[in-house]
N, C-alpha and C. Protein backbone atom coordinates (compact mmCIF):
# COMPACT_ATOMS: atom_id res chain seq x y z
N MET A 1 39.73 -40.59 221.21
CA MET A 1 40.73 -39.71 220.61
C MET A 1 40.88 -39.60 219.15
N SER A 2 40.91 -38.86 218.32
CA SER A 2 40.54 -38.27 217.28
C SER A 2 42.23 -38.06 216.52
N ILE A 3 42.40 -38.68 215.16
CA ILE A 3 43.80 -38.39 214.54
C ILE A 3 43.25 -38.02 213.36
N THR A 4 44.09 -36.67 212.85
CA THR A 4 43.26 -35.54 211.80
C THR A 4 44.57 -35.78 211.66
N ASN A 5 44.60 -34.94 210.29
CA ASN A 5 46.13 -34.56 209.63
C ASN A 5 46.94 -35.08 209.73
N LYS A 6 46.86 -36.68 209.97
CA LYS A 6 48.29 -37.22 210.41
C LYS A 6 49.06 -37.90 208.98
N LYS A 7 50.33 -37.72 208.76
CA LYS A 7 50.61 -38.47 207.52
C LYS A 7 51.91 -39.42 207.99
N VAL A 8 52.48 -40.32 206.89
CA VAL A 8 53.41 -41.38 207.24
C VAL A 8 54.19 -41.01 206.73
N VAL A 9 55.51 -40.32 207.05
CA VAL A 9 56.74 -40.14 205.99
C VAL A 9 57.49 -40.80 206.47
N ALA A 10 58.15 -41.06 204.99
CA ALA A 10 58.87 -42.23 204.70
C ALA A 10 60.22 -41.07 205.09
N PRO A 11 61.28 -41.89 206.01
CA PRO A 11 62.39 -41.43 206.04
C PRO A 11 63.25 -41.18 204.72
N ALA A 12 64.17 -40.38 205.43
CA ALA A 12 65.45 -39.96 204.21
C ALA A 12 66.03 -41.78 203.94
N LEU A 13 66.60 -41.90 202.99
CA LEU A 13 67.07 -43.04 202.56
C LEU A 13 68.92 -42.81 202.95
N PRO A 14 69.44 -43.67 203.18
CA PRO A 14 70.91 -43.33 203.02
C PRO A 14 71.59 -43.32 201.55
N THR A 15 72.73 -43.12 201.60
CA THR A 15 73.33 -42.82 200.56
C THR A 15 73.69 -44.66 200.14
N PRO A 16 73.96 -44.83 199.37
CA PRO A 16 74.51 -46.23 199.29
C PRO A 16 75.81 -46.40 198.95
N PRO A 17 76.30 -47.51 199.68
CA PRO A 17 77.79 -48.15 199.41
C PRO A 17 78.65 -48.11 198.40
N GLN A 18 79.48 -47.86 198.19
CA GLN A 18 80.34 -47.51 196.49
C GLN A 18 79.77 -49.01 196.18
N GLU A 19 79.98 -50.08 196.55
CA GLU A 19 79.46 -51.28 195.67
C GLU A 19 78.50 -51.64 195.21
N TYR A 20 77.21 -50.95 195.86
CA TYR A 20 75.93 -50.86 195.20
C TYR A 20 75.34 -50.31 193.60
N GLU A 21 75.34 -51.23 192.82
CA GLU A 21 74.76 -50.94 191.43
C GLU A 21 73.97 -49.82 191.48
N PRO A 22 74.10 -48.52 190.84
CA PRO A 22 73.39 -47.73 190.96
C PRO A 22 71.69 -47.97 190.54
N GLY A 23 71.80 -48.29 189.57
CA GLY A 23 70.31 -48.80 188.98
C GLY A 23 69.18 -50.12 189.94
N LYS A 24 70.23 -50.49 190.51
CA LYS A 24 69.17 -51.45 191.74
C LYS A 24 69.46 -50.40 192.84
N PHE A 25 70.29 -49.41 193.04
CA PHE A 25 69.56 -48.61 194.20
C PHE A 25 68.69 -47.83 194.36
N ALA A 26 68.39 -47.27 192.62
CA ALA A 26 67.20 -46.50 191.91
C ALA A 26 66.00 -47.04 192.25
N ALA A 27 66.07 -48.07 191.65
CA ALA A 27 64.86 -49.12 191.58
C ALA A 27 64.14 -49.38 193.18
N LEU A 28 65.18 -49.90 194.30
CA LEU A 28 65.20 -50.11 195.22
C LEU A 28 64.54 -49.01 196.00
N THR A 29 65.21 -48.15 195.84
CA THR A 29 64.53 -46.43 196.51
C THR A 29 62.81 -46.25 195.74
N ASN A 30 62.97 -46.68 194.80
CA ASN A 30 61.17 -46.22 194.38
C ASN A 30 60.61 -47.05 194.67
N ILE A 31 60.95 -48.56 194.99
CA ILE A 31 59.69 -49.43 195.47
C ILE A 31 59.74 -48.57 196.78
N LEU A 32 60.45 -48.32 197.76
CA LEU A 32 60.23 -47.81 199.41
C LEU A 32 59.31 -46.95 199.33
N ARG A 33 59.84 -46.07 198.29
CA ARG A 33 59.18 -44.33 198.16
C ARG A 33 57.48 -44.81 198.02
N LEU A 34 56.99 -46.03 196.76
CA LEU A 34 55.88 -46.16 196.73
C LEU A 34 54.90 -47.11 197.87
N TYR A 35 55.64 -47.63 198.49
CA TYR A 35 55.36 -48.46 199.68
C TYR A 35 54.79 -47.61 200.37
N PHE A 36 55.82 -46.81 201.33
CA PHE A 36 55.36 -45.66 202.29
C PHE A 36 54.18 -45.04 201.25
N ILE A 37 53.93 -44.06 200.19
CA ILE A 37 53.07 -43.43 200.03
C ILE A 37 51.52 -44.32 199.68
N ARG A 38 51.45 -45.69 199.62
CA ARG A 38 50.85 -46.63 199.88
C ARG A 38 49.96 -47.06 201.11
N VAL A 39 51.18 -46.45 202.04
CA VAL A 39 51.15 -47.06 203.42
C VAL A 39 50.52 -45.24 203.73
N ASP A 40 50.90 -44.35 203.22
CA ASP A 40 50.01 -43.50 203.91
C ASP A 40 48.57 -43.54 203.11
N ALA A 41 48.42 -43.61 202.11
CA ALA A 41 46.76 -43.82 201.45
C ALA A 41 46.25 -44.76 202.00
N ALA A 42 46.50 -45.66 202.74
CA ALA A 42 46.08 -46.65 203.52
C ALA A 42 45.57 -46.26 205.14
N VAL A 43 46.55 -45.74 205.40
CA VAL A 43 46.19 -44.79 206.88
C VAL A 43 44.81 -43.79 206.30
N ALA A 44 45.27 -43.13 205.58
CA ALA A 44 44.16 -42.21 204.84
C ALA A 44 42.75 -42.12 204.98
N ALA A 45 43.05 -43.80 204.64
CA ALA A 45 41.48 -44.16 203.63
C ALA A 45 40.97 -44.99 204.73
N LEU A 46 41.24 -45.13 206.07
CA LEU A 46 41.25 -45.92 207.35
C LEU A 46 40.30 -44.28 208.54
N LEU A 47 41.01 -43.27 207.49
CA LEU A 47 40.75 -42.05 208.57
C LEU A 47 39.16 -41.33 207.95
N GLY A 48 39.08 -42.05 206.34
CA GLY A 48 38.14 -41.14 205.72
C GLY A 48 38.70 -40.06 205.37
N GLN A 49 40.21 -39.95 204.67
CA GLN A 49 40.50 -39.10 204.12
C GLN A 49 40.78 -38.80 202.60
N SER A 50 41.03 -38.13 201.85
CA SER A 50 41.79 -38.12 200.29
C SER A 50 43.28 -38.02 200.08
N THR A 51 43.71 -39.33 199.69
CA THR A 51 44.93 -39.03 199.06
C THR A 51 45.45 -38.32 197.82
N VAL A 52 46.84 -38.31 197.31
CA VAL A 52 46.88 -38.00 195.74
C VAL A 52 47.59 -38.92 195.07
N SER A 53 47.29 -38.69 193.93
CA SER A 53 47.97 -40.42 192.95
C SER A 53 49.42 -40.32 193.36
N VAL A 54 49.67 -41.81 193.56
CA VAL A 54 51.37 -41.72 193.29
C VAL A 54 51.99 -42.18 192.36
N LYS A 55 51.03 -42.15 190.90
CA LYS A 55 51.56 -41.64 190.07
C LYS A 55 52.09 -40.41 189.53
N ALA A 56 53.56 -40.70 188.93
CA ALA A 56 54.38 -38.89 188.93
C ALA A 56 54.31 -38.52 187.61
N TYR A 57 53.85 -37.39 187.50
CA TYR A 57 53.01 -37.00 186.40
C TYR A 57 54.73 -35.59 185.92
N THR A 58 55.00 -35.59 184.38
CA THR A 58 55.89 -34.44 183.98
C THR A 58 55.24 -33.90 182.60
N LEU A 59 55.55 -32.85 182.74
CA LEU A 59 55.27 -32.18 181.52
C LEU A 59 56.60 -31.75 181.10
N ALA A 60 56.89 -32.06 179.75
CA ALA A 60 57.94 -32.33 179.04
C ALA A 60 57.98 -30.97 178.10
N THR A 61 59.13 -29.97 177.92
CA THR A 61 58.87 -29.26 177.09
C THR A 61 60.21 -29.18 175.99
N THR A 62 61.22 -30.30 176.29
CA THR A 62 62.47 -30.35 175.30
C THR A 62 62.40 -31.97 175.61
N ALA A 63 63.74 -32.75 174.80
CA ALA A 63 64.13 -33.87 175.23
C ALA A 63 63.86 -34.07 176.49
N TYR A 64 64.26 -35.60 176.75
CA TYR A 64 63.53 -35.90 177.82
C TYR A 64 64.35 -36.98 178.46
N THR A 65 65.06 -37.79 179.12
CA THR A 65 65.40 -38.92 179.45
C THR A 65 64.21 -38.96 180.70
N ILE A 66 63.64 -40.40 181.13
CA ILE A 66 62.48 -40.84 181.79
C ILE A 66 63.49 -41.08 182.97
N LEU A 67 63.07 -40.75 184.44
CA LEU A 67 63.67 -40.90 185.17
C LEU A 67 62.72 -41.96 186.29
N ILE A 68 63.29 -43.11 187.40
CA ILE A 68 62.88 -44.18 187.42
C ILE A 68 61.35 -43.21 188.11
N THR A 69 61.41 -42.51 188.84
CA THR A 69 60.50 -41.79 189.39
C THR A 69 59.10 -41.19 188.37
N ASN A 70 59.40 -41.27 187.47
CA ASN A 70 58.44 -41.05 186.49
C ASN A 70 57.53 -41.87 186.45
N TYR A 71 56.04 -41.82 185.99
CA TYR A 71 55.21 -42.77 185.28
C TYR A 71 55.11 -42.25 184.03
N LEU A 72 54.01 -40.95 184.48
CA LEU A 72 53.47 -40.13 182.68
C LEU A 72 53.86 -39.02 182.23
N VAL A 73 54.70 -39.10 180.97
CA VAL A 73 55.50 -37.60 180.82
C VAL A 73 54.68 -37.68 179.26
N GLU A 74 54.22 -36.07 179.23
CA GLU A 74 53.38 -35.48 178.41
C GLU A 74 54.05 -34.19 177.63
N TYR A 75 54.06 -34.60 176.00
CA TYR A 75 54.27 -33.17 175.43
C TYR A 75 53.00 -32.54 174.82
N ARG A 76 53.05 -31.05 175.03
CA ARG A 76 51.92 -30.27 174.45
C ARG A 76 52.37 -29.86 173.09
N THR A 77 53.74 -29.39 173.15
CA THR A 77 54.03 -28.55 172.12
C THR A 77 55.76 -29.98 171.61
N GLY A 78 56.16 -29.12 169.97
CA GLY A 78 57.42 -29.55 169.89
C GLY A 78 57.56 -30.57 169.14
N SER A 79 58.72 -31.26 168.83
CA SER A 79 58.87 -32.26 168.30
C SER A 79 59.75 -33.19 169.03
N PHE A 80 60.55 -34.02 169.76
CA PHE A 80 61.46 -34.27 170.65
C PHE A 80 61.91 -36.16 170.65
N THR A 81 62.58 -36.36 171.45
CA THR A 81 63.29 -37.80 171.67
C THR A 81 62.64 -37.63 173.04
N VAL A 82 62.08 -38.98 173.76
CA VAL A 82 61.95 -39.20 174.90
C VAL A 82 62.91 -40.22 175.17
N THR A 83 63.44 -40.67 176.29
CA THR A 83 64.13 -41.74 176.31
C THR A 83 64.21 -42.81 177.61
N LEU A 84 63.94 -43.81 177.35
CA LEU A 84 63.66 -44.73 177.99
C LEU A 84 65.10 -45.34 179.09
N PRO A 85 64.53 -45.32 180.56
CA PRO A 85 65.88 -45.75 181.08
C PRO A 85 66.42 -47.09 181.10
N SER A 86 67.25 -47.59 181.30
CA SER A 86 67.29 -49.11 180.85
C SER A 86 66.64 -49.68 181.45
N ALA A 87 66.31 -51.39 181.05
CA ALA A 87 65.17 -52.21 181.35
C ALA A 87 65.72 -52.87 181.83
N VAL A 88 66.70 -53.51 181.86
CA VAL A 88 67.41 -54.29 183.04
C VAL A 88 67.31 -53.73 184.51
N GLY A 89 67.15 -55.17 185.40
CA GLY A 89 66.69 -54.67 186.56
C GLY A 89 65.81 -54.02 187.34
N ILE A 90 64.81 -53.71 186.05
CA ILE A 90 63.57 -53.03 186.55
C ILE A 90 62.70 -53.78 185.79
N PRO A 91 62.48 -55.27 186.05
CA PRO A 91 60.90 -55.43 185.84
C PRO A 91 59.60 -55.31 186.25
N GLY A 92 58.94 -55.60 185.43
CA GLY A 92 57.75 -54.49 185.55
C GLY A 92 57.44 -53.13 186.27
N GLN A 93 58.38 -52.47 185.76
CA GLN A 93 58.38 -50.93 186.00
C GLN A 93 57.70 -50.55 184.39
N GLU A 94 56.55 -49.83 185.03
CA GLU A 94 55.98 -49.18 184.14
C GLU A 94 56.15 -47.36 183.44
N PHE A 95 55.62 -47.08 182.12
CA PHE A 95 56.10 -45.86 182.26
C PHE A 95 54.89 -45.66 180.74
N GLN A 96 54.36 -43.84 180.82
CA GLN A 96 53.61 -43.77 179.76
C GLN A 96 53.89 -42.80 179.21
N VAL A 97 53.70 -42.42 178.24
CA VAL A 97 54.41 -40.98 177.37
C VAL A 97 52.86 -40.74 176.34
N LYS A 98 52.66 -39.51 176.65
CA LYS A 98 51.32 -38.92 175.60
C LYS A 98 52.05 -38.00 175.08
N ASN A 99 51.64 -37.73 173.79
CA ASN A 99 51.79 -36.68 172.72
C ASN A 99 50.83 -35.79 172.72
N SER A 100 50.15 -34.65 173.39
CA SER A 100 49.10 -33.46 173.68
C SER A 100 48.78 -32.86 172.22
N GLY A 101 50.70 -32.51 171.85
CA GLY A 101 50.72 -31.62 170.65
C GLY A 101 50.36 -31.87 169.33
N ALA A 102 50.92 -31.05 168.72
CA ALA A 102 51.59 -31.30 166.74
C ALA A 102 52.09 -31.97 166.85
N GLY A 103 53.12 -31.28 167.17
CA GLY A 103 54.41 -32.02 166.91
C GLY A 103 54.70 -33.51 166.91
N SER A 104 55.47 -34.42 166.49
CA SER A 104 55.67 -36.10 166.41
C SER A 104 56.70 -35.93 167.60
N ILE A 105 56.58 -36.91 168.47
CA ILE A 105 57.24 -37.57 169.63
C ILE A 105 57.82 -38.66 169.37
N THR A 106 59.43 -38.88 169.51
CA THR A 106 59.40 -40.41 169.50
C THR A 106 60.38 -41.11 170.70
N LEU A 107 59.55 -42.03 171.00
CA LEU A 107 60.13 -42.68 172.14
C LEU A 107 61.35 -43.76 171.45
N ASP A 108 62.40 -44.18 172.57
CA ASP A 108 63.86 -44.71 172.24
C ASP A 108 64.07 -45.07 173.79
N GLY A 109 64.68 -46.64 173.03
CA GLY A 109 64.90 -47.48 174.34
C GLY A 109 66.47 -47.36 174.65
N ALA A 110 66.82 -47.50 176.07
CA ALA A 110 68.12 -47.08 176.08
C ALA A 110 68.92 -47.97 175.95
N GLY A 111 70.14 -47.33 174.79
CA GLY A 111 71.22 -48.25 174.07
C GLY A 111 70.58 -48.68 173.03
N SER A 112 70.63 -50.03 173.20
CA SER A 112 70.02 -50.99 171.68
C SER A 112 69.16 -52.01 172.56
N GLU A 113 68.29 -51.31 173.67
CA GLU A 113 67.15 -51.89 174.31
C GLU A 113 66.15 -51.18 173.22
N THR A 114 65.16 -52.92 173.22
CA THR A 114 64.25 -52.50 172.37
C THR A 114 62.14 -52.22 172.43
N ILE A 115 61.26 -51.59 172.28
CA ILE A 115 60.01 -51.65 172.50
C ILE A 115 59.37 -51.99 171.45
N ASP A 116 59.23 -53.67 172.25
CA ASP A 116 58.42 -54.33 170.90
C ASP A 116 59.30 -54.45 169.87
N GLY A 117 60.46 -55.09 169.96
CA GLY A 117 61.48 -55.32 168.56
C GLY A 117 61.89 -54.16 168.22
N ALA A 118 61.29 -53.17 168.37
CA ALA A 118 62.35 -51.82 167.76
C ALA A 118 62.44 -50.68 168.33
N THR A 119 63.71 -50.47 167.85
CA THR A 119 64.82 -49.36 168.86
C THR A 119 64.09 -48.15 169.31
N THR A 120 62.76 -47.61 168.37
CA THR A 120 62.31 -46.21 168.14
C THR A 120 60.74 -46.47 168.57
N LYS A 121 59.60 -45.83 168.80
CA LYS A 121 58.44 -45.62 168.38
C LYS A 121 57.94 -44.80 168.28
N ALA A 122 56.99 -44.00 166.92
CA ALA A 122 57.07 -42.24 167.09
C ALA A 122 55.18 -42.38 167.79
N LEU A 123 55.26 -40.95 167.99
CA LEU A 123 54.27 -40.51 168.41
C LEU A 123 53.47 -39.57 167.84
N SER A 124 52.32 -39.81 167.42
CA SER A 124 51.65 -38.59 166.46
C SER A 124 50.74 -37.93 167.53
N GLN A 125 50.30 -36.97 166.92
CA GLN A 125 49.25 -36.25 167.87
C GLN A 125 48.22 -36.65 168.68
N TYR A 126 47.56 -36.89 169.99
CA TYR A 126 46.82 -37.03 171.15
C TYR A 126 47.05 -38.78 171.21
N VAL A 127 48.02 -39.08 170.32
CA VAL A 127 48.98 -40.58 170.99
C VAL A 127 49.53 -41.29 172.43
N SER A 128 49.17 -41.97 172.97
CA SER A 128 49.98 -42.23 174.09
C SER A 128 50.33 -43.56 174.24
N ILE A 129 51.66 -44.16 174.60
CA ILE A 129 52.20 -45.08 174.79
C ILE A 129 52.38 -45.27 175.58
N LYS A 130 52.11 -46.69 176.66
CA LYS A 130 52.21 -47.43 177.87
C LYS A 130 53.54 -48.44 177.30
N VAL A 131 54.40 -48.90 178.75
CA VAL A 131 55.59 -49.96 178.33
C VAL A 131 55.88 -50.14 179.57
N MET A 132 56.55 -51.25 179.74
CA MET A 132 56.54 -51.86 180.68
C MET A 132 58.14 -52.79 180.48
N SER A 133 58.99 -52.47 181.47
CA SER A 133 60.35 -53.42 181.28
C SER A 133 59.64 -54.94 181.79
N ASN A 134 60.58 -55.74 180.82
CA ASN A 134 60.27 -57.28 181.23
C ASN A 134 61.65 -57.90 181.73
N GLY A 135 62.82 -56.78 181.70
CA GLY A 135 64.14 -57.63 182.94
C GLY A 135 65.05 -56.95 181.62
N THR A 136 64.43 -56.83 180.33
CA THR A 136 65.76 -57.23 179.37
C THR A 136 65.21 -56.00 178.16
N ASN A 137 64.37 -55.71 178.28
CA ASN A 137 63.51 -54.77 176.83
C ASN A 137 62.31 -54.14 177.53
N TRP A 138 61.76 -53.08 176.44
CA TRP A 138 60.42 -52.64 177.20
C TRP A 138 59.45 -53.23 175.94
N MET A 139 58.19 -53.80 176.56
CA MET A 139 57.35 -54.00 175.69
C MET A 139 55.91 -52.98 176.04
N ILE A 140 55.50 -53.03 174.89
CA ILE A 140 53.85 -52.21 174.62
C ILE A 140 52.64 -52.90 175.89
N VAL A 141 52.22 -52.55 176.45
CA VAL A 141 51.38 -53.10 177.00
C VAL A 141 49.62 -52.22 177.36
């Protein structure tokens, strides 16, 4: 018996009840999404097939607020501010921002949250920064 071109498909997640905190539900949804992607990758590897990256890429062209489902946000033109989501409730979550253009990109923590003690970090041309939530603020890793 041969299994070919089969993918493990994550079922649609239900809408959260009113008493759920939106940030926690989004974090759990992301964890489940990544779990099913990894299951799919494991099955594909067993079958000798290739898989796609589990890290989501976004090419931004305006000011942008990072979503929990993003991983790498790249800017190729312009000067903009990119805002991190709240670090609260998502310890271990990582994001990366890359400035591939001639403009200046400012990375901003949500509200009063900091990035290694500063409220913002500037990225000049060809600079990237990777941050991780510690559950309270962001740290550069």
